Amino acid sequence: MANFTLSFSLLCFTVLLFSFNRGGILAQDVPFAKTWCVAKPSAADVDLENNIEFACNQVGIDCSIIQEGGQCYYPTSLVNHASVVMNLYFQKAGRSAFNCDFSETGLVAVTDPSYEGCLYTFV
């Protein structure tokens, strides 16, 4: 029974995540829901670099958070740094699912991805 409950919970989370990522009813009709944008772990490095460059060149996005000494510098991986700045852009742009697409390299998350001293912005 425990395995079924865990499997069912994971299935529900996956469906919910997919629905948000595809701009489904949930993403459109629940604007107050807490959502964050993160990079797909399978995204190519060049795409993640492009996402960082794009987000950091937007007015009002402070990317010092991922630079050495910033609260989200560690771990120093492209997927981590891209996730942080993609989320900054996503939050500033109004948390619409399409603002997390990033050429299909972003995912809308319903669980706060913050860790240790790195707090993912939620507006």
N, C-alpha and C. Protein backbone atom coordinates (compact mmCIF):
# COMPACT_ATOMS: atom_id res chain seq x y z
N MET A 1 0.82 -1.19 0.00
CA MET A 1 0.00 0.00 0.00
C MET A 1 0.87 1.26 0.00
N ALA A 2 1.98 1.23 0.76
CA ALA A 2 2.87 2.39 0.83
C ALA A 2 3.47 2.70 -0.54
N ASN A 3 3.86 1.64 -1.29
CA ASN A 3 4.42 1.86 -2.62
C ASN A 3 3.39 2.47 -3.55
N PHE A 4 2.13 2.02 -3.46
CA PHE A 4 1.08 2.58 -4.30
C PHE A 4 0.86 4.06 -3.97
N THR A 5 0.83 4.40 -2.68
CA THR A 5 0.63 5.78 -2.27
C THR A 5 1.75 6.67 -2.77
N LEU A 6 3.00 6.21 -2.65
CA LEU A 6 4.14 6.97 -3.13
C LEU A 6 4.08 7.12 -4.64
N SER A 7 3.79 6.03 -5.35
CA SER A 7 3.70 6.08 -6.81
C SER A 7 2.58 7.01 -7.26
N PHE A 8 1.44 6.94 -6.61
CA PHE A 8 0.31 7.80 -6.97
C PHE A 8 0.67 9.26 -6.71
N SER A 9 1.34 9.54 -5.59
CA SER A 9 1.75 10.91 -5.28
C SER A 9 2.72 11.45 -6.33
N LEU A 10 3.68 10.62 -6.72
CA LEU A 10 4.63 11.04 -7.76
C LEU A 10 3.93 11.27 -9.09
N LEU A 11 2.96 10.43 -9.42
CA LEU A 11 2.20 10.61 -10.65
C LEU A 11 1.43 11.92 -10.62
N CYS A 12 0.78 12.21 -9.50
CA CYS A 12 0.02 13.46 -9.38
C CYS A 12 0.95 14.66 -9.50
N PHE A 13 2.11 14.61 -8.86
CA PHE A 13 3.07 15.70 -8.96
C PHE A 13 3.54 15.87 -10.40
N THR A 14 3.82 14.79 -11.09
CA THR A 14 4.27 14.85 -12.48
C THR A 14 3.21 15.46 -13.37
N VAL A 15 1.96 15.06 -13.20
CA VAL A 15 0.86 15.62 -13.99
C VAL A 15 0.71 17.09 -13.70
N LEU A 16 0.80 17.47 -12.43
CA LEU A 16 0.70 18.87 -12.05
C LEU A 16 1.84 19.68 -12.66
N LEU A 17 3.05 19.16 -12.57
CA LEU A 17 4.21 19.84 -13.13
C LEU A 17 4.07 19.97 -14.64
N PHE A 18 3.64 18.92 -15.32
CA PHE A 18 3.46 18.95 -16.77
C PHE A 18 2.40 19.97 -17.14
N SER A 19 1.33 20.01 -16.40
CA SER A 19 0.25 20.95 -16.68
C SER A 19 0.74 22.39 -16.54
N PHE A 20 1.52 22.67 -15.48
CA PHE A 20 2.07 24.01 -15.32
C PHE A 20 3.04 24.32 -16.45
N ASN A 21 3.89 23.37 -16.81
CA ASN A 21 4.92 23.61 -17.81
C ASN A 21 4.33 23.85 -19.19
N ARG A 22 3.21 23.29 -19.47
CA ARG A 22 2.60 23.43 -20.78
C ARG A 22 1.57 24.55 -20.83
N GLY A 23 1.49 25.34 -19.76
CA GLY A 23 0.57 26.46 -19.76
C GLY A 23 -0.87 26.03 -19.67
N GLY A 24 -1.10 24.91 -19.04
CA GLY A 24 -2.45 24.37 -18.92
C GLY A 24 -3.32 25.19 -18.00
N ILE A 25 -4.47 24.66 -17.71
CA ILE A 25 -5.47 25.35 -16.91
C ILE A 25 -4.88 25.79 -15.57
N LEU A 26 -4.12 24.94 -14.93
CA LEU A 26 -3.60 25.29 -13.61
C LEU A 26 -2.72 26.53 -13.66
N ALA A 27 -1.85 26.62 -14.65
CA ALA A 27 -0.95 27.76 -14.74
C ALA A 27 -1.71 29.04 -15.05
N GLN A 28 -2.80 28.93 -15.80
CA GLN A 28 -3.53 30.11 -16.21
C GLN A 28 -4.54 30.55 -15.16
N ASP A 29 -5.15 29.63 -14.46
CA ASP A 29 -6.25 29.95 -13.58
C ASP A 29 -5.87 30.10 -12.11
N VAL A 30 -4.62 29.84 -11.77
CA VAL A 30 -4.20 29.94 -10.37
C VAL A 30 -2.96 30.84 -10.31
N PRO A 31 -3.14 32.14 -10.60
CA PRO A 31 -1.98 33.02 -10.64
C PRO A 31 -1.31 33.22 -9.29
N PHE A 32 -2.02 32.92 -8.21
CA PHE A 32 -1.47 33.10 -6.87
C PHE A 32 -0.71 31.88 -6.39
N ALA A 33 -0.73 30.78 -7.15
CA ALA A 33 -0.02 29.57 -6.75
C ALA A 33 1.48 29.84 -6.73
N LYS A 34 2.16 29.33 -5.74
CA LYS A 34 3.60 29.50 -5.68
C LYS A 34 4.26 28.62 -6.72
N THR A 35 4.95 29.24 -7.65
CA THR A 35 5.66 28.51 -8.69
C THR A 35 7.02 29.16 -8.91
N TRP A 36 7.96 28.35 -9.32
CA TRP A 36 9.31 28.79 -9.60
C TRP A 36 9.73 28.20 -10.94
N CYS A 37 10.73 28.78 -11.55
CA CYS A 37 11.25 28.27 -12.82
C CYS A 37 12.65 27.72 -12.58
N VAL A 38 12.90 26.53 -13.08
CA VAL A 38 14.22 25.92 -12.99
C VAL A 38 14.63 25.37 -14.35
N ALA A 39 15.91 25.20 -14.54
CA ALA A 39 16.43 24.65 -15.79
C ALA A 39 16.27 23.13 -15.80
N LYS A 40 15.98 22.60 -16.98
CA LYS A 40 15.94 21.14 -17.12
C LYS A 40 17.36 20.60 -16.96
N PRO A 41 17.54 19.60 -16.13
CA PRO A 41 18.87 19.03 -15.95
C PRO A 41 19.45 18.47 -17.25
N SER A 42 18.59 18.12 -18.19
CA SER A 42 19.06 17.55 -19.46
C SER A 42 19.38 18.60 -20.51
N ALA A 43 19.21 19.88 -20.19
CA ALA A 43 19.46 20.95 -21.16
C ALA A 43 20.94 21.00 -21.52
N ALA A 44 21.21 21.32 -22.76
CA ALA A 44 22.59 21.44 -23.25
C ALA A 44 23.26 22.66 -22.61
N ASP A 45 24.56 22.55 -22.37
CA ASP A 45 25.31 23.64 -21.76
C ASP A 45 25.16 24.95 -22.54
N VAL A 46 25.21 24.87 -23.85
CA VAL A 46 25.09 26.09 -24.66
C VAL A 46 23.74 26.77 -24.44
N ASP A 47 22.68 25.98 -24.29
CA ASP A 47 21.36 26.53 -24.02
C ASP A 47 21.30 27.19 -22.65
N LEU A 48 21.92 26.55 -21.66
CA LEU A 48 21.94 27.12 -20.32
C LEU A 48 22.73 28.43 -20.30
N GLU A 49 23.85 28.45 -21.02
CA GLU A 49 24.64 29.68 -21.12
C GLU A 49 23.83 30.79 -21.78
N ASN A 50 23.09 30.44 -22.84
CA ASN A 50 22.23 31.42 -23.51
C ASN A 50 21.12 31.92 -22.58
N ASN A 51 20.57 31.02 -21.77
CA ASN A 51 19.52 31.42 -20.82
C ASN A 51 20.07 32.40 -19.78
N ILE A 52 21.28 32.12 -19.29
CA ILE A 52 21.90 33.02 -18.32
C ILE A 52 22.14 34.38 -18.96
N GLU A 53 22.69 34.39 -20.16
CA GLU A 53 22.96 35.65 -20.85
C GLU A 53 21.67 36.43 -21.08
N PHE A 54 20.63 35.75 -21.56
CA PHE A 54 19.35 36.41 -21.81
C PHE A 54 18.79 37.02 -20.53
N ALA A 55 18.68 36.20 -19.49
CA ALA A 55 18.07 36.67 -18.24
C ALA A 55 18.88 37.81 -17.63
N CYS A 56 20.18 37.69 -17.64
CA CYS A 56 21.03 38.70 -17.01
C CYS A 56 21.05 40.01 -17.78
N ASN A 57 20.63 40.00 -19.03
CA ASN A 57 20.57 41.22 -19.82
C ASN A 57 19.22 41.92 -19.76
N GLN A 58 18.31 41.40 -18.95
CA GLN A 58 17.00 42.02 -18.79
C GLN A 58 17.06 43.08 -17.70
N VAL A 59 16.39 44.18 -17.92
CA VAL A 59 16.35 45.26 -16.94
C VAL A 59 15.74 44.75 -15.64
N GLY A 60 16.41 45.03 -14.54
CA GLY A 60 15.89 44.67 -13.23
C GLY A 60 16.31 43.29 -12.74
N ILE A 61 17.08 42.57 -13.53
CA ILE A 61 17.56 41.25 -13.11
C ILE A 61 18.99 41.41 -12.60
N ASP A 62 19.20 41.13 -11.33
CA ASP A 62 20.52 41.27 -10.71
C ASP A 62 21.17 39.90 -10.63
N CYS A 63 22.13 39.67 -11.51
CA CYS A 63 22.77 38.36 -11.58
C CYS A 63 23.99 38.23 -10.67
N SER A 64 24.21 39.22 -9.82
CA SER A 64 25.34 39.11 -8.89
C SER A 64 25.12 37.93 -7.93
N ILE A 65 23.89 37.48 -7.81
CA ILE A 65 23.55 36.36 -6.93
C ILE A 65 24.27 35.06 -7.34
N ILE A 66 24.64 34.94 -8.64
CA ILE A 66 25.31 33.71 -9.10
C ILE A 66 26.80 33.93 -9.35
N GLN A 67 27.29 35.13 -9.08
CA GLN A 67 28.71 35.41 -9.25
C GLN A 67 29.45 35.05 -7.96
N GLU A 68 30.76 34.87 -8.07
CA GLU A 68 31.55 34.50 -6.90
C GLU A 68 31.25 35.46 -5.75
N GLY A 69 30.95 34.91 -4.60
CA GLY A 69 30.57 35.69 -3.42
C GLY A 69 29.07 35.86 -3.28
N GLY A 70 28.31 35.55 -4.34
CA GLY A 70 26.85 35.65 -4.30
C GLY A 70 26.25 34.47 -3.55
N GLN A 71 25.04 34.66 -3.04
CA GLN A 71 24.42 33.62 -2.21
C GLN A 71 24.07 32.35 -2.96
N CYS A 72 24.02 32.40 -4.30
CA CYS A 72 23.72 31.19 -5.09
C CYS A 72 24.87 30.80 -6.01
N TYR A 73 26.09 31.21 -5.66
CA TYR A 73 27.25 30.86 -6.48
C TYR A 73 27.54 29.36 -6.42
N TYR A 74 27.39 28.76 -5.23
CA TYR A 74 27.62 27.32 -5.07
C TYR A 74 26.30 26.58 -5.12
N PRO A 75 26.22 25.42 -5.71
CA PRO A 75 27.28 24.78 -6.49
C PRO A 75 27.50 25.51 -7.81
N THR A 76 28.73 25.49 -8.26
CA THR A 76 29.11 26.21 -9.47
C THR A 76 28.84 25.35 -10.70
N SER A 77 27.60 25.16 -11.01
CA SER A 77 27.22 24.40 -12.20
C SER A 77 26.32 25.26 -13.07
N LEU A 78 26.35 25.02 -14.36
CA LEU A 78 25.50 25.77 -15.28
C LEU A 78 24.03 25.58 -14.96
N VAL A 79 23.62 24.36 -14.66
CA VAL A 79 22.20 24.11 -14.39
C VAL A 79 21.75 24.87 -13.14
N ASN A 80 22.61 24.96 -12.13
CA ASN A 80 22.27 25.70 -10.92
C ASN A 80 22.18 27.19 -11.22
N HIS A 81 23.21 27.74 -11.85
CA HIS A 81 23.22 29.17 -12.14
C HIS A 81 22.08 29.55 -13.09
N ALA A 82 21.85 28.74 -14.10
CA ALA A 82 20.75 29.02 -15.03
C ALA A 82 19.41 28.98 -14.30
N SER A 83 19.21 28.01 -13.44
CA SER A 83 17.95 27.91 -12.70
C SER A 83 17.68 29.17 -11.89
N VAL A 84 18.70 29.66 -11.22
CA VAL A 84 18.54 30.84 -10.36
C VAL A 84 18.11 32.05 -11.19
N VAL A 85 18.81 32.33 -12.29
CA VAL A 85 18.49 33.53 -13.06
C VAL A 85 17.24 33.34 -13.93
N MET A 86 16.98 32.12 -14.37
CA MET A 86 15.73 31.86 -15.09
C MET A 86 14.55 32.14 -14.16
N ASN A 87 14.69 31.76 -12.90
CA ASN A 87 13.62 32.04 -11.95
C ASN A 87 13.47 33.53 -11.70
N LEU A 88 14.57 34.27 -11.62
CA LEU A 88 14.48 35.72 -11.45
C LEU A 88 13.68 36.33 -12.60
N TYR A 89 13.98 35.89 -13.82
CA TYR A 89 13.25 36.39 -14.99
C TYR A 89 11.77 35.99 -14.92
N PHE A 90 11.52 34.74 -14.63
CA PHE A 90 10.17 34.19 -14.54
C PHE A 90 9.33 34.98 -13.54
N GLN A 91 9.88 35.25 -12.37
CA GLN A 91 9.16 35.99 -11.35
C GLN A 91 8.90 37.42 -11.80
N LYS A 92 9.91 38.06 -12.37
CA LYS A 92 9.76 39.45 -12.80
C LYS A 92 8.76 39.57 -13.95
N ALA A 93 8.71 38.56 -14.81
CA ALA A 93 7.82 38.59 -15.98
C ALA A 93 6.38 38.22 -15.64
N GLY A 94 6.10 37.84 -14.41
CA GLY A 94 4.72 37.59 -14.00
C GLY A 94 4.33 36.14 -13.80
N ARG A 95 5.29 35.22 -13.80
CA ARG A 95 5.06 33.80 -13.52
C ARG A 95 4.09 33.11 -14.47
N SER A 96 4.07 33.53 -15.72
CA SER A 96 3.29 32.79 -16.72
C SER A 96 4.14 31.64 -17.23
N ALA A 97 3.53 30.52 -17.48
CA ALA A 97 4.27 29.32 -17.89
C ALA A 97 5.17 29.59 -19.09
N PHE A 98 4.71 30.41 -20.04
CA PHE A 98 5.53 30.64 -21.22
C PHE A 98 6.79 31.44 -20.90
N ASN A 99 6.83 32.13 -19.76
CA ASN A 99 8.03 32.85 -19.36
C ASN A 99 9.08 31.94 -18.74
N CYS A 100 8.76 30.66 -18.65
CA CYS A 100 9.73 29.68 -18.16
C CYS A 100 10.09 28.69 -19.26
N ASP A 101 9.65 28.93 -20.46
CA ASP A 101 9.91 27.97 -21.53
C ASP A 101 11.39 27.95 -21.93
N PHE A 102 11.97 29.10 -22.16
CA PHE A 102 13.38 29.19 -22.53
C PHE A 102 13.75 28.15 -23.59
N SER A 103 13.02 28.18 -24.69
CA SER A 103 13.24 27.22 -25.80
C SER A 103 13.20 25.79 -25.31
N GLU A 104 12.21 25.52 -24.46
CA GLU A 104 11.95 24.19 -23.91
C GLU A 104 13.07 23.67 -23.00
N THR A 105 13.80 24.58 -22.36
CA THR A 105 14.84 24.16 -21.42
C THR A 105 14.49 24.51 -19.97
N GLY A 106 13.28 25.04 -19.75
CA GLY A 106 12.85 25.39 -18.40
C GLY A 106 11.67 24.55 -17.95
N LEU A 107 11.56 24.40 -16.66
CA LEU A 107 10.44 23.68 -16.04
C LEU A 107 9.84 24.55 -14.94
N VAL A 108 8.52 24.59 -14.87
CA VAL A 108 7.86 25.27 -13.76
C VAL A 108 7.77 24.28 -12.61
N ALA A 109 8.27 24.71 -11.45
CA ALA A 109 8.27 23.85 -10.27
C ALA A 109 7.24 24.37 -9.27
N VAL A 110 6.61 23.45 -8.58
CA VAL A 110 5.64 23.82 -7.54
C VAL A 110 6.22 23.62 -6.14
N THR A 111 7.45 23.16 -6.09
CA THR A 111 8.17 23.00 -4.83
C THR A 111 9.33 23.99 -4.83
N ASP A 112 9.47 24.73 -3.76
CA ASP A 112 10.51 25.74 -3.65
C ASP A 112 11.89 25.10 -3.81
N PRO A 113 12.66 25.51 -4.83
CA PRO A 113 13.98 24.93 -5.07
C PRO A 113 15.09 25.56 -4.22
N SER A 114 14.76 26.47 -3.32
CA SER A 114 15.76 27.11 -2.48
C SER A 114 16.54 26.07 -1.69
N TYR A 115 17.79 26.38 -1.41
CA TYR A 115 18.63 25.48 -0.63
C TYR A 115 19.60 26.31 0.18
N GLU A 116 19.98 25.81 1.33
CA GLU A 116 20.91 26.48 2.23
C GLU A 116 20.73 27.99 2.20
N GLY A 117 21.74 28.75 1.79
CA GLY A 117 21.65 30.21 1.78
C GLY A 117 21.11 30.77 0.48
N CYS A 118 20.80 29.92 -0.47
CA CYS A 118 20.31 30.37 -1.78
C CYS A 118 18.78 30.34 -1.79
N LEU A 119 18.20 31.52 -1.71
CA LEU A 119 16.75 31.62 -1.70
C LEU A 119 16.25 32.00 -3.09
N TYR A 120 15.41 31.16 -3.65
CA TYR A 120 14.81 31.45 -4.95
C TYR A 120 13.71 32.46 -4.74
N THR A 121 13.77 33.53 -5.50
CA THR A 121 12.79 34.60 -5.38
C THR A 121 11.40 34.10 -5.73
N PHE A 122 10.43 34.53 -4.94
CA PHE A 122 9.02 34.32 -5.26
C PHE A 122 8.34 35.65 -5.04
N VAL A 123 7.73 36.16 -6.09
CA VAL A 123 7.05 37.46 -6.02
C VAL A 123 5.57 37.23 -5.95
